[in-house]
Amino acid sequence: MTTSPQAPVIEPDTDDATDLDEVWKVVVWNDPVNLVSYVALVLRTLFGHSKEKAMRLTMQVHNEGRAIVNDGPREQAEMDCYRLHQHGLWATMET
């Protein structure tokens, strides 16, 4: 009795786990609606940034179009984006 060679079994990569230690960045984007003073106030209120840091980040948003205003685990970044949206700011997350 002869046996034919079997093709190797290739197991698919089914690992759906995400790196729990991955740091997510919260990005605020420039918009034509909100005043600089309002954006700085929101950053101070939501993140506890000093007046100087909030103004520096706000001016970065204004001049460069975006700024990373906070970072942390995914769940926190999602909540931060939600809170920024509730204050009328355009925010996204990135890794």
PDB file of N, CA and C in Angstrom:
ATOM      1  N   MET A   1       0.828  -1.159   0.000  1.00  0.00           N
ATOM      2  CA  MET A   1       0.000   0.000   0.000  1.00  0.00           C
ATOM      3  C   MET A   1       0.887   1.241   0.000  1.00  0.00           C
ATOM      4  N   THR A   2       0.602   2.140  -0.905  1.00  0.00           N
ATOM      5  CA  THR A   2       1.383   3.377  -0.990  1.00  0.00           C
ATOM      6  C   THR A   2       0.570   4.521  -0.382  1.00  0.00           C
ATOM      7  N   THR A   3       1.264   5.393   0.244  1.00  0.00           N
ATOM      8  CA  THR A   3       0.587   6.575   0.814  1.00  0.00           C
ATOM      9  C   THR A   3       1.056   7.801   0.066  1.00  0.00           C
ATOM     10  N   SER A   4       0.112   8.650  -0.216  1.00  0.00           N
ATOM     11  CA  SER A   4       0.469   9.888  -0.899  1.00  0.00           C
ATOM     12  C   SER A   4       0.868  10.930   0.147  1.00  0.00           C
ATOM     13  N   PRO A   5       1.802  11.765  -0.192  1.00  0.00           N
ATOM     14  CA  PRO A   5       2.232  12.782   0.773  1.00  0.00           C
ATOM     15  C   PRO A   5       1.076  13.750   1.065  1.00  0.00           C
ATOM     16  N   GLN A   6       0.940  14.077   2.332  1.00  0.00           N
ATOM     17  CA  GLN A   6      -0.119  15.011   2.716  1.00  0.00           C
ATOM     18  C   GLN A   6       0.406  16.432   2.678  1.00  0.00           C
ATOM     19  N   ALA A   7      -0.481  17.312   2.292  1.00  0.00           N
ATOM     20  CA  ALA A   7      -0.127  18.732   2.319  1.00  0.00           C
ATOM     21  C   ALA A   7      -0.073  19.185   3.771  1.00  0.00           C
ATOM     22  N   PRO A   8       0.851  20.058   4.110  1.00  0.00           N
ATOM     23  CA  PRO A   8       0.929  20.513   5.496  1.00  0.00           C
ATOM     24  C   PRO A   8      -0.311  21.333   5.852  1.00  0.00           C
ATOM     25  N   VAL A   9      -0.736  21.181   7.082  1.00  0.00           N
ATOM     26  CA  VAL A   9      -1.886  21.945   7.568  1.00  0.00           C
ATOM     27  C   VAL A   9      -1.388  23.292   8.059  1.00  0.00           C
ATOM     28  N   ILE A  10      -1.940  24.315   7.520  1.00  0.00           N
ATOM     29  CA  ILE A  10      -1.553  25.673   7.930  1.00  0.00           C
ATOM     30  C   ILE A  10      -2.672  26.226   8.803  1.00  0.00           C
ATOM     31  N   GLU A  11      -2.330  26.514  10.038  1.00  0.00           N
ATOM     32  CA  GLU A  11      -3.303  27.058  10.980  1.00  0.00           C
ATOM     33  C   GLU A  11      -3.407  28.565  10.779  1.00  0.00           C
ATOM     34  N   PRO A  12      -4.616  29.070  10.613  1.00  0.00           N
ATOM     35  CA  PRO A  12      -4.765  30.524  10.450  1.00  0.00           C
ATOM     36  C   PRO A  12      -4.486  31.243  11.763  1.00  0.00           C
ATOM     37  N   ASP A  13      -4.031  32.457  11.650  1.00  0.00           N
ATOM     38  CA  ASP A  13      -3.794  33.287  12.833  1.00  0.00           C
ATOM     39  C   ASP A  13      -5.134  33.857  13.269  1.00  0.00           C
ATOM     40  N   THR A  14      -5.631  33.381  14.375  1.00  0.00           N
ATOM     41  CA  THR A  14      -6.941  33.826  14.861  1.00  0.00           C
ATOM     42  C   THR A  14      -6.827  34.625  16.146  1.00  0.00           C
ATOM     43  N   ASP A  15      -5.641  35.134  16.427  1.00  0.00           N
ATOM     44  CA  ASP A  15      -5.435  35.895  17.652  1.00  0.00           C
ATOM     45  C   ASP A  15      -6.088  37.262  17.511  1.00  0.00           C
ATOM     46  N   ASP A  16      -7.215  37.449  18.179  1.00  0.00           N
ATOM     47  CA  ASP A  16      -7.929  38.722  18.140  1.00  0.00           C
ATOM     48  C   ASP A  16      -7.581  39.613  19.323  1.00  0.00           C
ATOM     49  N   ALA A  17      -6.700  39.133  20.169  1.00  0.00           N
ATOM     50  CA  ALA A  17      -6.355  39.903  21.362  1.00  0.00           C
ATOM     51  C   ALA A  17      -5.603  41.171  20.968  1.00  0.00           C
ATOM     52  N   THR A  18      -5.902  42.245  21.656  1.00  0.00           N
ATOM     53  CA  THR A  18      -5.177  43.483  21.446  1.00  0.00           C
ATOM     54  C   THR A  18      -4.223  43.678  22.609  1.00  0.00           C
ATOM     55  N   ASP A  19      -3.210  44.412  22.375  1.00  0.00           N
ATOM     56  CA  ASP A  19      -2.237  44.696  23.426  1.00  0.00           C
ATOM     57  C   ASP A  19      -2.885  45.625  24.440  1.00  0.00           C
ATOM     58  N   LEU A  20      -3.100  45.112  25.632  1.00  0.00           N
ATOM     59  CA  LEU A  20      -3.784  45.899  26.650  1.00  0.00           C
ATOM     60  C   LEU A  20      -2.938  47.053  27.147  1.00  0.00           C
ATOM     61  N   ASP A  21      -1.646  46.977  26.932  1.00  0.00           N
ATOM     62  CA  ASP A  21      -0.761  48.046  27.372  1.00  0.00           C
ATOM     63  C   ASP A  21      -0.587  49.127  26.309  1.00  0.00           C
ATOM     64  N   GLU A  22      -1.247  48.968  25.178  1.00  0.00           N
ATOM     65  CA  GLU A  22      -1.093  49.922  24.091  1.00  0.00           C
ATOM     66  C   GLU A  22      -1.622  51.291  24.512  1.00  0.00           C
ATOM     67  N   VAL A  23      -0.858  52.327  24.195  1.00  0.00           N
ATOM     68  CA  VAL A  23      -1.244  53.690  24.544  1.00  0.00           C
ATOM     69  C   VAL A  23      -1.969  54.320  23.356  1.00  0.00           C
ATOM     70  N   TRP A  24      -3.155  54.854  23.626  1.00  0.00           N
ATOM     71  CA  TRP A  24      -3.944  55.547  22.616  1.00  0.00           C
ATOM     72  C   TRP A  24      -3.815  57.044  22.843  1.00  0.00           C
ATOM     73  N   LYS A  25      -3.685  57.784  21.759  1.00  0.00           N
ATOM     74  CA  LYS A  25      -3.563  59.233  21.824  1.00  0.00           C
ATOM     75  C   LYS A  25      -4.904  59.867  21.455  1.00  0.00           C
ATOM     76  N   VAL A  26      -5.274  60.908  22.175  1.00  0.00           N
ATOM     77  CA  VAL A  26      -6.498  61.656  21.899  1.00  0.00           C
ATOM     78  C   VAL A  26      -6.091  62.910  21.134  1.00  0.00           C
ATOM     79  N   VAL A  27      -6.629  63.055  19.927  1.00  0.00           N
ATOM     80  CA  VAL A  27      -6.269  64.158  19.040  1.00  0.00           C
ATOM     81  C   VAL A  27      -7.448  65.114  18.913  1.00  0.00           C
ATOM     82  N   VAL A  28      -7.187  66.398  19.130  1.00  0.00           N
ATOM     83  CA  VAL A  28      -8.186  67.439  18.871  1.00  0.00           C
ATOM     84  C   VAL A  28      -7.798  68.103  17.563  1.00  0.00           C
ATOM     85  N   TRP A  29      -8.795  68.286  16.703  1.00  0.00           N
ATOM     86  CA  TRP A  29      -8.589  68.859  15.368  1.00  0.00           C
ATOM     87  C   TRP A  29      -9.116  70.287  15.313  1.00  0.00           C
ATOM     88  N   ASN A  30      -8.515  71.069  14.447  1.00  0.00           N
ATOM     89  CA  ASN A  30      -8.941  72.452  14.247  1.00  0.00           C
ATOM     90  C   ASN A  30     -10.319  72.488  13.594  1.00  0.00           C
ATOM     91  N   ASP A  31     -11.097  73.471  13.957  1.00  0.00           N
ATOM     92  CA  ASP A  31     -12.392  73.686  13.314  1.00  0.00           C
ATOM     93  C   ASP A  31     -12.636  75.182  13.217  1.00  0.00           C
ATOM     94  N   PRO A  32     -13.523  75.587  12.331  1.00  0.00           N
ATOM     95  CA  PRO A  32     -13.778  77.017  12.143  1.00  0.00           C
ATOM     96  C   PRO A  32     -14.818  77.588  13.111  1.00  0.00           C
ATOM     97  N   VAL A  33     -15.265  76.817  14.066  1.00  0.00           N
ATOM     98  CA  VAL A  33     -16.381  77.224  14.915  1.00  0.00           C
ATOM     99  C   VAL A  33     -15.944  77.716  16.287  1.00  0.00           C
ATOM    100  N   ASN A  34     -15.117  76.929  16.974  1.00  0.00           N
ATOM    101  CA  ASN A  34     -14.796  77.205  18.367  1.00  0.00           C
ATOM    102  C   ASN A  34     -13.683  78.232  18.525  1.00  0.00           C
ATOM    103  N   LEU A  35     -13.853  79.108  19.497  1.00  0.00           N
ATOM    104  CA  LEU A  35     -12.853  80.126  19.797  1.00  0.00           C
ATOM    105  C   LEU A  35     -11.665  79.501  20.530  1.00  0.00           C
ATOM    106  N   VAL A  36     -10.501  80.097  20.363  1.00  0.00           N
ATOM    107  CA  VAL A  36      -9.292  79.636  21.034  1.00  0.00           C
ATOM    108  C   VAL A  36      -9.512  79.599  22.546  1.00  0.00           C
ATOM    109  N   SER A  37     -10.119  80.621  23.081  1.00  0.00           N
ATOM    110  CA  SER A  37     -10.337  80.685  24.530  1.00  0.00           C
ATOM    111  C   SER A  37     -11.242  79.546  25.005  1.00  0.00           C
ATOM    112  N   TYR A  38     -12.237  79.185  24.204  1.00  0.00           N
ATOM    113  CA  TYR A  38     -13.138  78.098  24.579  1.00  0.00           C
ATOM    114  C   TYR A  38     -12.407  76.758  24.559  1.00  0.00           C
ATOM    115  N   VAL A  39     -11.613  76.509  23.520  1.00  0.00           N
ATOM    116  CA  VAL A  39     -10.873  75.241  23.420  1.00  0.00           C
ATOM    117  C   VAL A  39      -9.928  75.100  24.614  1.00  0.00           C
ATOM    118  N   ALA A  40      -9.221  76.172  24.950  1.00  0.00           N
ATOM    119  CA  ALA A  40      -8.310  76.131  26.099  1.00  0.00           C
ATOM    120  C   ALA A  40      -9.080  75.849  27.388  1.00  0.00           C
ATOM    121  N   LEU A  41     -10.240  76.445  27.542  1.00  0.00           N
ATOM    122  CA  LEU A  41     -11.066  76.211  28.731  1.00  0.00           C
ATOM    123  C   LEU A  41     -11.501  74.745  28.817  1.00  0.00           C
ATOM    124  N   VAL A  42     -11.910  74.180  27.712  1.00  0.00           N
ATOM    125  CA  VAL A  42     -12.332  72.772  27.689  1.00  0.00           C
ATOM    126  C   VAL A  42     -11.153  71.863  28.068  1.00  0.00           C
ATOM    127  N   LEU A  43      -9.973  72.126  27.532  1.00  0.00           N
ATOM    128  CA  LEU A  43      -8.810  71.297  27.852  1.00  0.00           C
ATOM    129  C   LEU A  43      -8.453  71.405  29.331  1.00  0.00           C
ATOM    130  N   ARG A  44      -8.580  72.578  29.888  1.00  0.00           N
ATOM    131  CA  ARG A  44      -8.308  72.747  31.323  1.00  0.00           C
ATOM    132  C   ARG A  44      -9.354  72.014  32.156  1.00  0.00           C
ATOM    133  N   THR A  45     -10.598  72.125  31.756  1.00  0.00           N
ATOM    134  CA  THR A  45     -11.695  71.519  32.512  1.00  0.00           C
ATOM    135  C   THR A  45     -11.657  69.993  32.445  1.00  0.00           C
ATOM    136  N   LEU A  46     -11.507  69.441  31.249  1.00  0.00           N
ATOM    137  CA  LEU A  46     -11.584  67.988  31.081  1.00  0.00           C
ATOM    138  C   LEU A  46     -10.320  67.260  31.499  1.00  0.00           C
ATOM    139  N   PHE A  47      -9.151  67.858  31.278  1.00  0.00           N
ATOM    140  CA  PHE A  47      -7.903  67.144  31.502  1.00  0.00           C
ATOM    141  C   PHE A  47      -7.066  67.722  32.637  1.00  0.00           C
ATOM    142  N   GLY A  48      -7.492  68.839  33.186  1.00  0.00           N
ATOM    143  CA  GLY A  48      -6.745  69.436  34.281  1.00  0.00           C
ATOM    144  C   GLY A  48      -5.427  70.049  33.854  1.00  0.00           C
ATOM    145  N   HIS A  49      -5.300  70.372  32.563  1.00  0.00           N
ATOM    146  CA  HIS A  49      -4.076  71.016  32.086  1.00  0.00           C
ATOM    147  C   HIS A  49      -3.951  72.403  32.717  1.00  0.00           C
ATOM    148  N   SER A  50      -2.715  72.828  32.920  1.00  0.00           N
ATOM    149  CA  SER A  50      -2.481  74.194  33.392  1.00  0.00           C
ATOM    150  C   SER A  50      -2.921  75.163  32.301  1.00  0.00           C
ATOM    151  N   LYS A  51      -3.085  76.409  32.681  1.00  0.00           N
ATOM    152  CA  LYS A  51      -3.491  77.432  31.714  1.00  0.00           C
ATOM    153  C   LYS A  51      -2.485  77.514  30.569  1.00  0.00           C
ATOM    154  N   GLU A  52      -1.198  77.433  30.906  1.00  0.00           N
ATOM    155  CA  GLU A  52      -0.139  77.530  29.899  1.00  0.00           C
ATOM    156  C   GLU A  52      -0.164  76.324  28.949  1.00  0.00           C
ATOM    157  N   LYS A  53      -0.292  75.124  29.513  1.00  0.00           N
ATOM    158  CA  LYS A  53      -0.314  73.929  28.663  1.00  0.00           C
ATOM    159  C   LYS A  53      -1.557  73.906  27.787  1.00  0.00           C
ATOM    160  N   ALA A  54      -2.704  74.268  28.348  1.00  0.00           N
ATOM    161  CA  ALA A  54      -3.942  74.298  27.567  1.00  0.00           C
ATOM    162  C   ALA A  54      -3.828  75.292  26.414  1.00  0.00           C
ATOM    163  N   MET A  55      -3.228  76.450  26.673  1.00  0.00           N
ATOM    164  CA  MET A  55      -3.077  77.450  25.610  1.00  0.00           C
ATOM    165  C   MET A  55      -2.065  76.987  24.573  1.00  0.00           C
ATOM    166  N   ARG A  56      -0.987  76.334  25.005  1.00  0.00           N
ATOM    167  CA  ARG A  56       0.003  75.818  24.053  1.00  0.00           C
ATOM    168  C   ARG A  56      -0.626  74.774  23.134  1.00  0.00           C
ATOM    169  N   LEU A  57      -1.396  73.844  23.707  1.00  0.00           N
ATOM    170  CA  LEU A  57      -2.065  72.821  22.902  1.00  0.00           C
ATOM    171  C   LEU A  57      -3.104  73.441  21.968  1.00  0.00           C
ATOM    172  N   THR A  58      -3.838  74.411  22.479  1.00  0.00           N
ATOM    173  CA  THR A  58      -4.855  75.087  21.667  1.00  0.00           C
ATOM    174  C   THR A  58      -4.218  75.805  20.486  1.00  0.00           C
ATOM    175  N   MET A  59      -3.093  76.460  20.717  1.00  0.00           N
ATOM    176  CA  MET A  59      -2.419  77.151  19.619  1.00  0.00           C
ATOM    177  C   MET A  59      -1.824  76.152  18.620  1.00  0.00           C
ATOM    178  N   GLN A  60      -1.414  74.988  19.114  1.00  0.00           N
ATOM    179  CA  GLN A  60      -0.943  73.937  18.208  1.00  0.00           C
ATOM    180  C   GLN A  60      -2.095  73.468  17.317  1.00  0.00           C
ATOM    181  N   VAL A  61      -3.271  73.285  17.908  1.00  0.00           N
ATOM    182  CA  VAL A  61      -4.456  72.920  17.117  1.00  0.00           C
ATOM    183  C   VAL A  61      -4.713  73.994  16.067  1.00  0.00           C
ATOM    184  N   HIS A  62      -4.685  75.243  16.491  1.00  0.00           N
ATOM    185  CA  HIS A  62      -4.987  76.370  15.598  1.00  0.00           C
ATOM    186  C   HIS A  62      -3.960  76.487  14.469  1.00  0.00           C
ATOM    187  N   ASN A  63      -2.677  76.369  14.796  1.00  0.00           N
ATOM    188  CA  ASN A  63      -1.615  76.599  13.804  1.00  0.00           C
ATOM    189  C   ASN A  63      -1.267  75.364  12.976  1.00  0.00           C
ATOM    190  N   GLU A  64      -1.308  74.184  13.603  1.00  0.00           N
ATOM    191  CA  GLU A  64      -0.894  72.964  12.896  1.00  0.00           C
ATOM    192  C   GLU A  64      -2.065  72.089  12.472  1.00  0.00           C
ATOM    193  N   GLY A  65      -3.265  72.427  12.949  1.00  0.00           N
ATOM    194  CA  GLY A  65      -4.445  71.674  12.544  1.00  0.00           C
ATOM    195  C   GLY A  65      -4.849  70.574  13.499  1.00  0.00           C
ATOM    196  N   ARG A  66      -3.962  70.213  14.438  1.00  0.00           N
ATOM    197  CA  ARG A  66      -4.259  69.150  15.387  1.00  0.00           C
ATOM    198  C   ARG A  66      -3.252  69.172  16.527  1.00  0.00           C
ATOM    199  N   ALA A  67      -3.642  68.550  17.637  1.00  0.00           N
ATOM    200  CA  ALA A  67      -2.724  68.380  18.770  1.00  0.00           C
ATOM    201  C   ALA A  67      -3.168  67.166  19.569  1.00  0.00           C
ATOM    202  N   ILE A  68      -2.200  66.448  20.111  1.00  0.00           N
ATOM    203  CA  ILE A  68      -2.485  65.342  21.017  1.00  0.00           C
ATOM    204  C   ILE A  68      -2.659  65.950  22.405  1.00  0.00           C
ATOM    205  N   VAL A  69      -3.866  65.804  22.955  1.00  0.00           N
ATOM    206  CA  VAL A  69      -4.183  66.466  24.216  1.00  0.00           C
ATOM    207  C   VAL A  69      -4.159  65.535  25.413  1.00  0.00           C
ATOM    208  N   ASN A  70      -4.159  64.220  25.172  1.00  0.00           N
ATOM    209  CA  ASN A  70      -4.113  63.255  26.266  1.00  0.00           C
ATOM    210  C   ASN A  70      -3.765  61.893  25.686  1.00  0.00           C
ATOM    211  N   ASP A  71      -3.373  60.973  26.542  1.00  0.00           N
ATOM    212  CA  ASP A  71      -3.133  59.599  26.106  1.00  0.00           C
ATOM    213  C   ASP A  71      -3.418  58.658  27.260  1.00  0.00           C
ATOM    214  N   GLY A  72      -3.591  57.389  26.898  1.00  0.00           N
ATOM    215  CA  GLY A  72      -3.873  56.392  27.916  1.00  0.00           C
ATOM    216  C   GLY A  72      -4.434  55.133  27.292  1.00  0.00           C
ATOM    217  N   PRO A  73      -5.027  54.272  28.118  1.00  0.00           N
ATOM    218  CA  PRO A  73      -5.618  53.043  27.583  1.00  0.00           C
ATOM    219  C   PRO A  73      -6.807  53.359  26.681  1.00  0.00           C
ATOM    220  N   ARG A  74      -7.161  52.400  25.848  1.00  0.00           N
ATOM    221  CA  ARG A  74      -8.216  52.611  24.846  1.00  0.00           C
ATOM    222  C   ARG A  74      -9.527  53.099  25.455  1.00  0.00           C
ATOM    223  N   GLU A  75      -9.954  52.485  26.539  1.00  0.00           N
ATOM    224  CA  GLU A  75     -11.238  52.866  27.141  1.00  0.00           C
ATOM    225  C   GLU A  75     -11.229  54.327  27.586  1.00  0.00           C
ATOM    226  N   GLN A  76     -10.099  54.767  28.153  1.00  0.00           N
ATOM    227  CA  GLN A  76     -10.003  56.159  28.590  1.00  0.00           C
ATOM    228  C   GLN A  76     -10.002  57.093  27.385  1.00  0.00           C
ATOM    229  N   ALA A  77      -9.286  56.726  26.324  1.00  0.00           N
ATOM    230  CA  ALA A  77      -9.249  57.560  25.122  1.00  0.00           C
ATOM    231  C   ALA A  77     -10.637  57.671  24.495  1.00  0.00           C
ATOM    232  N   GLU A  78     -11.393  56.571  24.498  1.00  0.00           N
ATOM    233  CA  GLU A  78     -12.760  56.614  23.971  1.00  0.00           C
ATOM    234  C   GLU A  78     -13.619  57.576  24.787  1.00  0.00           C
ATOM    235  N   MET A  79     -13.486  57.508  26.109  1.00  0.00           N
ATOM    236  CA  MET A  79     -14.254  58.399  26.970  1.00  0.00           C
ATOM    237  C   MET A  79     -13.827  59.851  26.765  1.00  0.00           C
ATOM    238  N   ASP A  80     -12.528  60.093  26.624  1.00  0.00           N
ATOM    239  CA  ASP A  80     -12.042  61.453  26.389  1.00  0.00           C
ATOM    240  C   ASP A  80     -12.614  62.013  25.091  1.00  0.00           C
ATOM    241  N   CYS A  81     -12.629  61.198  24.034  1.00  0.00           N
ATOM    242  CA  CYS A  81     -13.199  61.656  22.759  1.00  0.00           C
ATOM    243  C   CYS A  81     -14.681  61.972  22.919  1.00  0.00           C
ATOM    244  N   TYR A  82     -15.382  61.108  23.610  1.00  0.00           N
ATOM    245  CA  TYR A  82     -16.812  61.338  23.845  1.00  0.00           C
ATOM    246  C   TYR A  82     -17.023  62.664  24.579  1.00  0.00           C
ATOM    247  N   ARG A  83     -16.248  62.899  25.619  1.00  0.00           N
ATOM    248  CA  ARG A  83     -16.400  64.123  26.400  1.00  0.00           C
ATOM    249  C   ARG A  83     -16.055  65.362  25.562  1.00  0.00           C
ATOM    250  N   LEU A  84     -15.024  65.255  24.733  1.00  0.00           N
ATOM    251  CA  LEU A  84     -14.676  66.382  23.850  1.00  0.00           C
ATOM    252  C   LEU A  84     -15.797  66.644  22.850  1.00  0.00           C
ATOM    253  N   HIS A  85     -16.382  65.583  22.311  1.00  0.00           N
ATOM    254  CA  HIS A  85     -17.507  65.738  21.380  1.00  0.00           C
ATOM    255  C   HIS A  85     -18.683  66.420  22.074  1.00  0.00           C
ATOM    256  N   GLN A  86     -18.924  66.070  23.339  1.00  0.00           N
ATOM    257  CA  GLN A  86     -20.019  66.691  24.094  1.00  0.00           C
ATOM    258  C   GLN A  86     -19.796  68.185  24.276  1.00  0.00           C
ATOM    259  N   HIS A  87     -18.549  68.615  24.201  1.00  0.00           N
ATOM    260  CA  HIS A  87     -18.225  70.043  24.311  1.00  0.00           C
ATOM    261  C   HIS A  87     -18.066  70.692  22.932  1.00  0.00           C
ATOM    262  N   GLY A  88     -18.425  69.979  21.887  1.00  0.00           N
ATOM    263  CA  GLY A  88     -18.425  70.552  20.546  1.00  0.00           C
ATOM    264  C   GLY A  88     -17.085  70.564  19.842  1.00  0.00           C
ATOM    265  N   LEU A  89     -16.111  69.797  20.342  1.00  0.00           N
ATOM    266  CA  LEU A  89     -14.804  69.751  19.689  1.00  0.00           C
ATOM    267  C   LEU A  89     -14.687  68.483  18.853  1.00  0.00           C
ATOM    268  N   TRP A  90     -13.934  68.593  17.764  1.00  0.00           N
ATOM    269  CA  TRP A  90     -13.695  67.459  16.886  1.00  0.00           C
ATOM    270  C   TRP A  90     -12.484  66.707  17.427  1.00  0.00           C
ATOM    271  N   ALA A  91     -12.654  65.441  17.831  1.00  0.00           N
ATOM    272  CA  ALA A  91     -11.581  64.648  18.422  1.00  0.00           C
ATOM    273  C   ALA A  91     -11.614  63.228  17.891  1.00  0.00           C
ATOM    274  N   THR A  92     -10.436  62.658  17.755  1.00  0.00           N
ATOM    275  CA  THR A  92     -10.285  61.269  17.332  1.00  0.00           C
ATOM    276  C   THR A  92      -9.217  60.613  18.212  1.00  0.00           C
ATOM    277  N   MET A  93      -9.058  59.294  18.019  1.00  0.00           N
ATOM    278  CA  MET A  93      -8.022  58.553  18.733  1.00  0.00           C
ATOM    279  C   MET A  93      -7.109  57.878  17.715  1.00  0.00           C
ATOM    280  N   GLU A  94      -5.858  57.679  18.147  1.00  0.00           N
ATOM    281  CA  GLU A  94      -4.909  56.956  17.301  1.00  0.00           C
ATOM    282  C   GLU A  94      -3.909  56.249  18.196  1.00  0.00           C
ATOM    283  N   THR A  95      -3.241  55.245  17.620  1.00  0.00           N
ATOM    284  CA  THR A  95      -2.216  54.534  18.379  1.00  0.00           C
ATOM    285  C   THR A  95      -0.855  55.033  17.991  1.00  0.00           C
TER     286      THR A  95
END
